[in-house]
C-alpha atoms as a PDB file:
ATOM      1  CA  MET A   1     -32.029  14.573  10.575  1.00  0.00           C
ATOM      2  CA  ASN A   2     -29.172  15.255  12.940  1.00  0.00           C
ATOM      3  CA  ALA A   3     -26.240  17.299  11.736  1.00  0.00           C
ATOM      4  CA  PRO A   4     -22.984  15.353  11.446  1.00  0.00           C
ATOM      5  CA  HIS A   5     -20.707  15.525  14.461  1.00  0.00           C
ATOM      6  CA  LYS A   6     -17.450  17.337  14.158  1.00  0.00           C
ATOM      7  CA  ARG A   7     -14.624  14.866  14.176  1.00  0.00           C
ATOM      8  CA  VAL A   8     -12.552  14.945  17.345  1.00  0.00           C
ATOM      9  CA  ASP A   9      -8.947  14.071  16.555  1.00  0.00           C
ATOM     10  CA  ARG A  10      -7.588  11.252  18.709  1.00  0.00           C
ATOM     11  CA  VAL A  11      -3.942  11.384  17.736  1.00  0.00           C
ATOM     12  CA  PRO A  12      -2.457   8.782  20.164  1.00  0.00           C
ATOM     13  CA  LEU A  13      -5.024   6.180  19.109  1.00  0.00           C
ATOM     14  CA  GLY A  14      -4.484   7.081  15.461  1.00  0.00           C
ATOM     15  CA  ILE A  15      -0.737   6.592  15.865  1.00  0.00           C
ATOM     16  CA  ALA A  16      -1.347   3.219  17.541  1.00  0.00           C
ATOM     17  CA  TYR A  17      -3.468   2.083  14.601  1.00  0.00           C
ATOM     18  CA  MET A  18      -0.845   3.276  12.111  1.00  0.00           C
ATOM     19  CA  LEU A  19       1.957   1.437  13.935  1.00  0.00           C
ATOM     20  CA  GLY A  20      -0.212  -1.688  14.033  1.00  0.00           C
ATOM     21  CA  ALA A  21      -0.864  -1.332  10.302  1.00  0.00           C
ATOM     22  CA  THR A  22       2.829  -0.990   9.473  1.00  0.00           C
ATOM     23  CA  PHE A  23       3.647  -4.060  11.563  1.00  0.00           C
ATOM     24  CA  VAL A  24       1.082  -6.356   9.938  1.00  0.00           C
ATOM     25  CA  PHE A  25       1.950  -4.966   6.490  1.00  0.00           C
ATOM     26  CA  ALA A  26       5.599  -5.885   7.111  1.00  0.00           C
ATOM     27  CA  ILE A  27       4.606  -9.388   8.196  1.00  0.00           C
ATOM     28  CA  SER A  28       2.341  -9.792   5.149  1.00  0.00           C
ATOM     29  CA  THR A  29       5.106  -8.646   2.806  1.00  0.00           C
ATOM     30  CA  ALA A  30       7.611 -11.006   4.420  1.00  0.00           C
ATOM     31  CA  MET A  31       5.165 -13.922   4.135  1.00  0.00           C
ATOM     32  CA  SER A  32       4.661 -13.099   0.447  1.00  0.00           C
ATOM     33  CA  LYS A  33       8.440 -13.112  -0.114  1.00  0.00           C
ATOM     34  CA  TRP A  34       8.707 -16.526   1.500  1.00  0.00           C
ATOM     35  CA  GLN A  35       5.738 -17.941  -0.429  1.00  0.00           C
ATOM     36  CA  VAL A  36       6.773 -16.677  -3.885  1.00  0.00           C
ATOM     37  CA  ASP A  37       9.875 -18.858  -3.680  1.00  0.00           C
ATOM     38  CA  THR A  38       7.590 -21.887  -4.093  1.00  0.00           C
ATOM     39  CA  TYR A  39       4.384 -20.668  -5.700  1.00  0.00           C
ATOM     40  CA  SER A  40       3.636 -18.321  -8.598  1.00  0.00           C
ATOM     41  CA  PHE A  41       3.061 -14.673  -7.777  1.00  0.00           C
ATOM     42  CA  ALA A  42      -0.516 -15.057  -9.035  1.00  0.00           C
ATOM     43  CA  GLU A  43      -1.247 -17.941  -6.678  1.00  0.00           C
ATOM     44  CA  VAL A  44       0.194 -16.080  -3.686  1.00  0.00           C
ATOM     45  CA  LEU A  45      -1.864 -13.004  -4.534  1.00  0.00           C
ATOM     46  CA  CYS A  46      -5.027 -15.029  -5.188  1.00  0.00           C
ATOM     47  CA  PHE A  47      -4.966 -16.619  -1.739  1.00  0.00           C
ATOM     48  CA  ARG A  48      -3.986 -13.299  -0.188  1.00  0.00           C
ATOM     49  CA  SER A  49      -6.853 -11.444  -1.883  1.00  0.00           C
ATOM     50  CA  ILE A  50      -9.338 -14.078  -0.681  1.00  0.00           C
ATOM     51  CA  GLY A  51      -8.152 -13.583   2.891  1.00  0.00           C
ATOM     52  CA  SER A  52      -8.266  -9.798   2.533  1.00  0.00           C
ATOM     53  CA  LEU A  53     -11.779  -9.945   1.083  1.00  0.00           C
ATOM     54  CA  ALA A  54     -12.889 -12.121   3.999  1.00  0.00           C
ATOM     55  CA  ILE A  55     -11.576  -9.813   6.736  1.00  0.00           C
ATOM     56  CA  CYS A  56     -12.775  -6.616   5.023  1.00  0.00           C
ATOM     57  CA  SER A  57     -16.233  -8.137   4.548  1.00  0.00           C
ATOM     58  CA  LEU A  58     -16.399  -9.002   8.242  1.00  0.00           C
ATOM     59  CA  LEU A  59     -15.350  -5.476   9.202  1.00  0.00           C
ATOM     60  CA  ILE A  60     -17.480  -3.511   6.706  1.00  0.00           C
ATOM     61  CA  LEU A  61     -20.615  -5.433   5.677  1.00  0.00           C
ATOM     62  CA  PRO A  62     -22.168  -5.801   9.172  1.00  0.00           C
ATOM     63  CA  ARG A  63     -22.119  -1.981   9.484  1.00  0.00           C
ATOM     64  CA  LYS A  64     -22.829  -0.908   5.910  1.00  0.00           C
ATOM     65  CA  GLY A  65     -24.628  -3.882   4.353  1.00  0.00           C
ATOM     66  CA  PHE A  66     -24.672  -4.532   0.600  1.00  0.00           C
ATOM     67  CA  THR A  67     -25.562  -0.891  -0.062  1.00  0.00           C
ATOM     68  CA  VAL A  68     -21.795  -0.407  -0.001  1.00  0.00           C
ATOM     69  CA  PHE A  69     -21.791  -1.739  -3.585  1.00  0.00           C
ATOM     70  CA  ARG A  70     -24.080   1.009  -4.900  1.00  0.00           C
ATOM     71  CA  THR A  71     -22.124   3.076  -7.403  1.00  0.00           C
ATOM     72  CA  LYS A  72     -22.445   4.875 -10.706  1.00  0.00           C
ATOM     73  CA  HIS A  73     -18.754   4.485 -11.454  1.00  0.00           C
ATOM     74  CA  ILE A  74     -18.214   0.731 -11.832  1.00  0.00           C
ATOM     75  CA  ASP A  75     -15.859   1.388 -14.771  1.00  0.00           C
ATOM     76  CA  GLN A  76     -13.593   3.501 -12.580  1.00  0.00           C
ATOM     77  CA  HIS A  77     -13.527   0.829  -9.880  1.00  0.00           C
ATOM     78  CA  PHE A  78     -12.642  -1.759 -12.530  1.00  0.00           C
ATOM     79  CA  GLY A  79      -9.814   0.342 -13.973  1.00  0.00           C
ATOM     80  CA  ARG A  80      -8.426   1.311 -10.588  1.00  0.00           C
ATOM     81  CA  SER A  81      -8.477  -2.301  -9.373  1.00  0.00           C
ATOM     82  CA  GLY A  82      -6.826  -3.506 -12.585  1.00  0.00           C
ATOM     83  CA  THR A  83      -3.971  -1.069 -12.053  1.00  0.00           C
ATOM     84  CA  GLN A  84      -3.762  -2.154  -8.423  1.00  0.00           C
ATOM     85  CA  ALA A  85      -3.550  -5.804  -9.517  1.00  0.00           C
ATOM     86  CA  ILE A  86      -0.584  -5.067 -11.788  1.00  0.00           C
ATOM     87  CA  ALA A  87       1.089  -3.023  -9.046  1.00  0.00           C
ATOM     88  CA  GLN A  88       0.736  -5.829  -6.499  1.00  0.00           C
ATOM     89  CA  SER A  89       2.039  -8.346  -9.042  1.00  0.00           C
ATOM     90  CA  CYS A  90       5.133  -6.178  -9.565  1.00  0.00           C
ATOM     91  CA  ILE A  91       5.997  -5.982  -5.867  1.00  0.00           C
ATOM     92  CA  ILE A  92       5.544  -9.734  -5.308  1.00  0.00           C
ATOM     93  CA  ILE A  93       7.773 -10.491  -8.311  1.00  0.00           C
ATOM     94  CA  ALA A  94      10.318  -7.979  -6.979  1.00  0.00           C
ATOM     95  CA  LEU A  95      10.414  -9.779  -3.623  1.00  0.00           C
ATOM     96  CA  GLY A  96      11.645 -12.891  -5.423  1.00  0.00           C
ATOM     97  CA  PHE A  97      14.717 -11.023  -6.684  1.00  0.00           C
ATOM     98  CA  MET A  98      15.788  -8.652  -3.912  1.00  0.00           C
ATOM     99  CA  PRO A  99      15.938  -8.228  -0.128  1.00  0.00           C
ATOM    100  CA  LEU A 100      12.759  -7.314   1.717  1.00  0.00           C
ATOM    101  CA  ALA A 101      14.040  -3.932   2.902  1.00  0.00           C
ATOM    102  CA  GLY A 102      15.133  -2.899  -0.610  1.00  0.00           C
ATOM    103  CA  ALA A 103      11.689  -3.557  -2.076  1.00  0.00           C
ATOM    104  CA  VAL A 104      10.007  -1.726   0.805  1.00  0.00           C
ATOM    105  CA  ALA A 105      12.359   1.261   0.427  1.00  0.00           C
ATOM    106  CA  ILE A 106      11.544   1.667  -3.275  1.00  0.00           C
ATOM    107  CA  ASN A 107       7.851   1.236  -2.495  1.00  0.00           C
ATOM    108  CA  PHE A 108       8.085   4.305  -0.236  1.00  0.00           C
ATOM    109  CA  SER A 109       8.545   6.429  -3.363  1.00  0.00           C
ATOM    110  CA  SER A 110       4.901   5.845  -4.364  1.00  0.00           C
ATOM    111  CA  PRO A 111       3.691   9.116  -2.710  1.00  0.00           C
ATOM    112  CA  LEU A 112       6.119  10.977  -4.954  1.00  0.00           C
ATOM    113  CA  PHE A 113       4.647   9.359  -8.050  1.00  0.00           C
ATOM    114  CA  ALA A 114       1.159  10.011  -6.652  1.00  0.00           C
ATOM    115  CA  ALA A 115       2.022  13.709  -6.616  1.00  0.00           C
ATOM    116  CA  LEU A 116       3.236  13.451 -10.213  1.00  0.00           C
ATOM    117  CA  ALA A 117       0.087  11.572 -11.277  1.00  0.00           C
ATOM    118  CA  SER A 118      -2.066  14.229  -9.603  1.00  0.00           C
ATOM    119  CA  VAL A 119      -0.355  16.843 -11.757  1.00  0.00           C
ATOM    120  CA  LEU A 120      -0.833  14.854 -14.977  1.00  0.00           C
ATOM    121  CA  TRP A 121      -4.398  13.571 -14.461  1.00  0.00           C
ATOM    122  CA  LEU A 122      -6.030  15.755 -11.832  1.00  0.00           C
ATOM    123  CA  LYS A 123      -4.413  18.911 -13.243  1.00  0.00           C
ATOM    124  CA  GLU A 124      -3.030  19.938  -9.848  1.00  0.00           C
ATOM    125  CA  LYS A 125      -0.186  22.437  -9.826  1.00  0.00           C
ATOM    126  CA  ILE A 126       3.218  20.901  -9.219  1.00  0.00           C
ATOM    127  CA  GLY A 127       4.960  23.883  -7.594  1.00  0.00           C
ATOM    128  CA  LYS A 128       8.635  24.167  -6.721  1.00  0.00           C
ATOM    129  CA  GLU A 129       8.261  22.238  -3.457  1.00  0.00           C
ATOM    130  CA  ARG A 130       6.621  19.222  -5.106  1.00  0.00           C
ATOM    131  CA  LEU A 131       9.191  19.218  -7.912  1.00  0.00           C
ATOM    132  CA  PHE A 132      12.028  19.363  -5.383  1.00  0.00           C
ATOM    133  CA  ALA A 133      10.602  16.416  -3.411  1.00  0.00           C
ATOM    134  CA  LEU A 134      10.092  14.392  -6.611  1.00  0.00           C
ATOM    135  CA  LEU A 135      13.644  14.902  -7.858  1.00  0.00           C
ATOM    136  CA  VAL A 136      15.311  14.261  -4.503  1.00  0.00           C
ATOM    137  CA  GLY A 137      13.124  11.221  -3.796  1.00  0.00           C
ATOM    138  CA  PHE A 138      13.828   9.709  -7.187  1.00  0.00           C
ATOM    139  CA  GLY A 139      17.532  10.194  -6.536  1.00  0.00           C
ATOM    140  CA  GLY A 140      17.101   8.107  -3.385  1.00  0.00           C
ATOM    141  CA  VAL A 141      15.349   5.389  -5.404  1.00  0.00           C
ATOM    142  CA  LEU A 142      18.262   5.288  -7.853  1.00  0.00           C
ATOM    143  CA  LEU A 143      20.669   4.945  -4.931  1.00  0.00           C
ATOM    144  CA  VAL A 144      18.709   1.963  -3.558  1.00  0.00           C
ATOM    145  CA  ALA A 145      18.288   0.326  -6.968  1.00  0.00           C
ATOM    146  CA  GLY A 146      21.800   0.879  -8.278  1.00  0.00           C
ATOM    147  CA  PRO A 147      24.047  -1.505  -6.301  1.00  0.00           C
ATOM    148  CA  GLY A 148      23.967  -5.284  -6.461  1.00  0.00           C
ATOM    149  CA  ALA A 149      23.774  -8.109  -8.963  1.00  0.00           C
ATOM    150  CA  ASP A 150      21.673  -8.157 -12.136  1.00  0.00           C
ATOM    151  CA  SER A 151      18.914 -10.037 -10.306  1.00  0.00           C
ATOM    152  CA  PHE A 152      18.783  -7.212  -7.753  1.00  0.00           C
ATOM    153  CA  ARG A 153      18.385  -4.657 -10.542  1.00  0.00           C
ATOM    154  CA  ILE A 154      15.592  -6.712 -12.145  1.00  0.00           C
ATOM    155  CA  GLY A 155      13.813  -6.807  -8.794  1.00  0.00           C
ATOM    156  CA  ALA A 156      14.342  -3.069  -8.362  1.00  0.00           C
ATOM    157  CA  LEU A 157      12.704  -2.407 -11.741  1.00  0.00           C
ATOM    158  CA  PHE A 158       9.625  -4.380 -10.699  1.00  0.00           C
ATOM    159  CA  ALA A 159       9.564  -2.592  -7.330  1.00  0.00           C
ATOM    160  CA  LEU A 160       9.804   0.735  -9.132  1.00  0.00           C
ATOM    161  CA  GLY A 161       6.961  -0.323 -11.432  1.00  0.00           C
ATOM    162  CA  ASN A 162       4.882  -1.036  -8.346  1.00  0.00           C
ATOM    163  CA  ALA A 163       5.670   2.398  -6.897  1.00  0.00           C
ATOM    164  CA  VAL A 164       4.706   4.190 -10.125  1.00  0.00           C
ATOM    165  CA  LEU A 165       1.438   2.272 -10.505  1.00  0.00           C
ATOM    166  CA  LEU A 166       0.608   2.604  -6.814  1.00  0.00           C
ATOM    167  CA  GLY A 167       1.129   6.333  -7.133  1.00  0.00           C
ATOM    168  CA  SER A 168      -1.353   6.470 -10.000  1.00  0.00           C
ATOM    169  CA  VAL A 169      -3.845   4.422  -7.970  1.00  0.00           C
ATOM    170  CA  THR A 170      -3.482   6.872  -5.081  1.00  0.00           C
ATOM    171  CA  ALA A 171      -4.254   9.759  -7.418  1.00  0.00           C
ATOM    172  CA  ALA A 172      -7.263   7.864  -8.790  1.00  0.00           C
ATOM    173  CA  VAL A 173      -8.587   7.227  -5.275  1.00  0.00           C
ATOM    174  CA  ARG A 174      -8.203  10.921  -4.513  1.00  0.00           C
ATOM    175  CA  GLY A 175     -10.438  11.724  -7.470  1.00  0.00           C
ATOM    176  CA  MET A 176     -12.954   8.920  -6.820  1.00  0.00           C
ATOM    177  CA  SER A 177     -13.295   9.780  -3.114  1.00  0.00           C
ATOM    178  CA  LYS A 178     -15.345  12.818  -4.117  1.00  0.00           C
ATOM    179  CA  THR A 179     -18.281  10.494  -4.875  1.00  0.00           C
ATOM    180  CA  GLU A 180     -17.350   7.127  -3.309  1.00  0.00           C
ATOM    181  CA  SER A 181     -16.993   6.208   0.365  1.00  0.00           C
ATOM    182  CA  ALA A 182     -13.884   4.543   1.743  1.00  0.00           C
ATOM    183  CA  GLU A 183     -15.928   1.369   2.355  1.00  0.00           C
ATOM    184  CA  THR A 184     -17.145   1.280  -1.251  1.00  0.00           C
ATOM    185  CA  LEU A 185     -13.636   1.807  -2.579  1.00  0.00           C
ATOM    186  CA  THR A 186     -12.270  -0.942  -0.333  1.00  0.00           C
ATOM    187  CA  MET A 187     -14.927  -3.565  -1.077  1.00  0.00           C
ATOM    188  CA  PHE A 188     -14.845  -3.098  -4.849  1.00  0.00           C
ATOM    189  CA  GLN A 189     -11.063  -3.288  -4.754  1.00  0.00           C
ATOM    190  CA  MET A 190     -11.093  -6.550  -2.806  1.00  0.00           C
ATOM    191  CA  VAL A 191     -13.752  -8.153  -5.008  1.00  0.00           C
ATOM    192  CA  PHE A 192     -12.098  -7.184  -8.285  1.00  0.00           C
ATOM    193  CA  LEU A 193      -8.610  -8.177  -7.066  1.00  0.00           C
ATOM    194  CA  THR A 194      -9.904 -11.613  -6.081  1.00  0.00           C
ATOM    195  CA  VAL A 195     -11.415 -12.078  -9.552  1.00  0.00           C
ATOM    196  CA  PHE A 196      -8.308 -10.774 -11.356  1.00  0.00           C
ATOM    197  CA  PHE A 197      -5.855 -12.931  -9.419  1.00  0.00           C
ATOM    198  CA  THR A 198      -8.021 -16.042  -9.786  1.00  0.00           C
ATOM    199  CA  ILE A 199      -7.842 -15.590 -13.563  1.00  0.00           C
ATOM    200  CA  ALA A 200      -4.113 -14.811 -13.378  1.00  0.00           C
ATOM    201  CA  MET A 201      -3.492 -17.970 -11.341  1.00  0.00           C
ATOM    202  CA  VAL A 202      -4.946 -20.062 -14.179  1.00  0.00           C
ATOM    203  CA  LEU A 203      -2.686 -18.282 -16.682  1.00  0.00           C
ATOM    204  CA  PHE A 204       0.572 -18.156 -14.687  1.00  0.00           C
ATOM    205  CA  GLY A 205       0.404 -21.510 -12.968  1.00  0.00           C
ATOM    206  CA  PHE A 206      -1.085 -23.245  -9.958  1.00  0.00           C
ATOM    207  CA  ILE A 207       0.696 -25.662  -7.648  1.00  0.00           C
ATOM    208  CA  THR A 208      -1.530 -27.489  -5.213  1.00  0.00           C
ATOM    209  CA  PRO A 209      -0.335 -26.147  -1.853  1.00  0.00           C
ATOM    210  CA  THR A 210      -0.047 -28.176   1.296  1.00  0.00           C
ATOM    211  CA  TRP A 211      -2.745 -27.475   3.867  1.00  0.00           C
ATOM    212  CA  LYS A 212      -0.153 -25.617   5.914  1.00  0.00           C
ATOM    213  CA  ASP A 213       0.937 -23.399   3.013  1.00  0.00           C
ATOM    214  CA  ALA A 214      -2.651 -22.751   1.911  1.00  0.00           C
ATOM    215  CA  GLY A 215      -3.529 -21.721   5.446  1.00  0.00           C
ATOM    216  CA  LEU A 216      -0.511 -19.413   5.674  1.00  0.00           C
ATOM    217  CA  MET A 217      -1.357 -17.777   2.348  1.00  0.00           C
ATOM    218  CA  PHE A 218      -4.892 -17.165   3.608  1.00  0.00           C
ATOM    219  CA  VAL A 219      -3.505 -15.757   6.883  1.00  0.00           C
ATOM    220  CA  ASN A 220      -1.275 -13.527   4.771  1.00  0.00           C
ATOM    221  CA  GLY A 221      -4.466 -12.100   3.278  1.00  0.00           C
ATOM    222  CA  LEU A 222      -5.979 -11.596   6.725  1.00  0.00           C
ATOM    223  CA  PHE A 223      -2.905  -9.619   7.795  1.00  0.00           C
ATOM    224  CA  ASN A 224      -3.024  -7.540   4.607  1.00  0.00           C
ATOM    225  CA  GLY A 225      -6.749  -6.819   4.973  1.00  0.00           C
ATOM    226  CA  LEU A 226      -6.356  -5.975   8.654  1.00  0.00           C
ATOM    227  CA  GLY A 227      -3.514  -3.623   7.792  1.00  0.00           C
ATOM    228  CA  GLN A 228      -5.698  -1.886   5.201  1.00  0.00           C
ATOM    229  CA  TYR A 229      -8.466  -1.438   7.769  1.00  0.00           C
ATOM    230  CA  TRP A 230      -6.142  -0.187  10.532  1.00  0.00           C
ATOM    231  CA  TRP A 231      -4.451   2.219   8.105  1.00  0.00           C
ATOM    232  CA  THR A 232      -7.833   3.675   7.092  1.00  0.00           C
ATOM    233  CA  ARG A 233      -8.926   3.766  10.740  1.00  0.00           C
ATOM    234  CA  SER A 234      -5.774   5.659  11.678  1.00  0.00           C
ATOM    235  CA  LEU A 235      -6.468   8.357   9.092  1.00  0.00           C
ATOM    236  CA  SER A 236     -10.055   8.671  10.328  1.00  0.00           C
ATOM    237  CA  LEU A 237      -8.877   9.288  13.905  1.00  0.00           C
ATOM    238  CA  ALA A 238      -6.119  11.828  13.300  1.00  0.00           C
ATOM    239  CA  PRO A 239      -4.748  14.145  10.602  1.00  0.00           C
ATOM    240  CA  ALA A 240      -2.436  12.588   8.028  1.00  0.00           C
ATOM    241  CA  SER A 241       0.295  15.003   9.120  1.00  0.00           C
ATOM    242  CA  ALA A 242       0.188  13.437  12.605  1.00  0.00           C
ATOM    243  CA  VAL A 243       0.029   9.733  11.736  1.00  0.00           C
ATOM    244  CA  GLY A 244       1.576   9.616   8.251  1.00  0.00           C
ATOM    245  CA  PRO A 245       5.215   9.754   9.399  1.00  0.00           C
ATOM    246  CA  PHE A 246       4.706   6.598  11.474  1.00  0.00           C
ATOM    247  CA  TYR A 247       3.979   4.630   8.285  1.00  0.00           C
ATOM    248  CA  TYR A 248       7.707   4.722   7.629  1.00  0.00           C
ATOM    249  CA  PHE A 249       8.213   2.376  10.574  1.00  0.00           C
ATOM    250  CA  SER A 250       7.538  -0.280   7.921  1.00  0.00           C
ATOM    251  CA  MET A 251      11.180   0.181   6.959  1.00  0.00           C
ATOM    252  CA  VAL A 252      12.341  -0.588  10.489  1.00  0.00           C
ATOM    253  CA  PHE A 253      10.196  -3.720  10.657  1.00  0.00           C
ATOM    254  CA  ALA A 254      11.368  -4.801   7.176  1.00  0.00           C
ATOM    255  CA  LEU A 255      15.036  -4.415   8.152  1.00  0.00           C
ATOM    256  CA  ILE A 256      14.512  -6.452  11.331  1.00  0.00           C
ATOM    257  CA  ILE A 257      12.526  -9.220   9.609  1.00  0.00           C
ATOM    258  CA  GLY A 258      14.970  -9.344   6.680  1.00  0.00           C
ATOM    259  CA  PHE A 259      17.920  -9.764   9.026  1.00  0.00           C
ATOM    260  CA  VAL A 260      16.270 -12.327  11.335  1.00  0.00           C
ATOM    261  CA  VAL A 261      14.683 -14.499   8.612  1.00  0.00           C
ATOM    262  CA  TRP A 262      17.035 -14.174   5.616  1.00  0.00           C
ATOM    263  CA  GLY A 263      20.192 -12.773   7.188  1.00  0.00           C
ATOM    264  CA  ASP A 264      20.020  -9.628   5.025  1.00  0.00           C
ATOM    265  CA  ILE A 265      22.514  -6.989   6.129  1.00  0.00           C
ATOM    266  CA  PRO A 266      21.569  -3.509   4.883  1.00  0.00           C
ATOM    267  CA  THR A 267      24.192  -1.859   2.695  1.00  0.00           C
ATOM    268  CA  PRO A 268      25.231   1.779   3.142  1.00  0.00           C
ATOM    269  CA  ALA A 269      23.569   2.587  -0.205  1.00  0.00           C
ATOM    270  CA  LEU A 270      20.297   1.018   0.943  1.00  0.00           C
ATOM    271  CA  LEU A 271      20.314   2.940   4.209  1.00  0.00           C
ATOM    272  CA  ALA A 272      21.272   6.229   2.559  1.00  0.00           C
ATOM    273  CA  GLY A 273      18.783   5.837  -0.295  1.00  0.00           C
ATOM    274  CA  SER A 274      16.010   4.812   2.098  1.00  0.00           C
ATOM    275  CA  GLY A 275      16.729   7.854   4.247  1.00  0.00           C
ATOM    276  CA  ILE A 276      16.481  10.143   1.218  1.00  0.00           C
ATOM    277  CA  VAL A 277      13.206   8.579   0.036  1.00  0.00           C
ATOM    278  CA  VAL A 278      11.687   8.778   3.525  1.00  0.00           C
ATOM    279  CA  ALA A 279      12.858  12.373   4.034  1.00  0.00           C
ATOM    280  CA  SER A 280      11.430  13.492   0.688  1.00  0.00           C
ATOM    281  CA  GLY A 281       8.133  11.721   1.444  1.00  0.00           C
ATOM    282  CA  LEU A 282       7.900  13.370   4.864  1.00  0.00           C
ATOM    283  CA  TYR A 283       8.688  16.759   3.336  1.00  0.00           C
ATOM    284  CA  LEU A 284       5.955  16.254   0.745  1.00  0.00           C
ATOM    285  CA  LEU A 285       3.505  15.160   3.476  1.00  0.00           C
ATOM    286  CA  TRP A 286       4.336  18.249   5.554  1.00  0.00           C
ATOM    287  CA  HIS A 287       3.998  20.553   2.557  1.00  0.00           C
ATOM    288  CA  GLU A 288       0.646  19.061   1.433  1.00  0.00           C
ATOM    289  CA  SER A 289      -0.856  19.072   4.951  1.00  0.00           C
ATOM    290  CA  LYS A 290       0.229  22.694   5.467  1.00  0.00           C
ATOM    291  CA  LYS A 291      -1.785  23.736   2.400  1.00  0.00           C
ATOM    292  CA  ARG A 292      -5.024  22.019   3.428  1.00  0.00           C
ATOM    293  CA  ALA A 293      -7.606  23.375   5.865  1.00  0.00           C
ATOM    294  CA  PRO A 294      -9.045  21.117   8.607  1.00  0.00           C
ATOM    295  CA  ILE A 295     -11.908  18.905   7.441  1.00  0.00           C
ATOM    296  CA  THR A 296     -15.221  18.475   9.209  1.00  0.00           C
ATOM    297  CA  ALA A 297     -16.509  14.893   9.100  1.00  0.00           C
ATOM    298  CA  GLU A 298     -18.711  12.460  10.941  1.00  0.00           C
ATOM    299  CA  GLU A 299     -17.172  10.982  14.053  1.00  0.00           C
ATOM    300  CA  PRO A 300     -15.847   7.504  13.251  1.00  0.00           C
ATOM    301  CA  LEU A 301     -17.448   4.431  14.766  1.00  0.00           C
ATOM    302  CA  GLU A 302     -15.687   2.536  17.496  1.00  0.00           C
END
């Protein structure tokens, strides 16, 4: 049996994948905002999860086969996916109440809550640096969520709920990745989300979409699944400290799309709060990457 190859970092390619991921994520989020004006959040997410399952299956199953579903932790996959389903529901509901950029800005606080969840559930030490980033980042969230009408504040609460739950999911993935591959985590997530949102669609309402709308909702899922794959690919090609900061280009794309499609003009509070959240996230990323030693892994497939 051959020894695994040491991974050779390919930072420029990793950055390219991360930028591609942020772009298609922004498009997927914008499509969801447009679709939730007509259809229930559950219906939008059901079609999106079907599209994501399709693209992830095409990318993963030909290489890994159905052995990707071998696991001794089906209960953990179920619980993690259930939390993910609630988190995604929150962000889609939020998009119906507030501008695209505002929801994306609050979503950027999820790494801060992931750090907090790691302290509570994985018993990691918080440290002064983590605590500082958490407090400053949450201050930025309050700045983004504070201004605006009551509907904006309702949307901000749902967006914040998404960030908190997404942070807990991130911490759960960190723990599960000790025994489960990225492909196994991805496929179980997509399968369970499709099942959950199909049930939710029955409960929260279904409107028969036009062929055009049904196709666009499915394409939304393809974009989301492709973004997930490119994001994972980026992290397999280069260290998180090198590619992670480029994830925040999602904010730039969200501001542009929000202005072009809905005429949203960012407020000073949104820009200032977004800057604080991004800065605290980057500081946390720098601090965490500085503590970790380089990892030896198999060279990723092309």
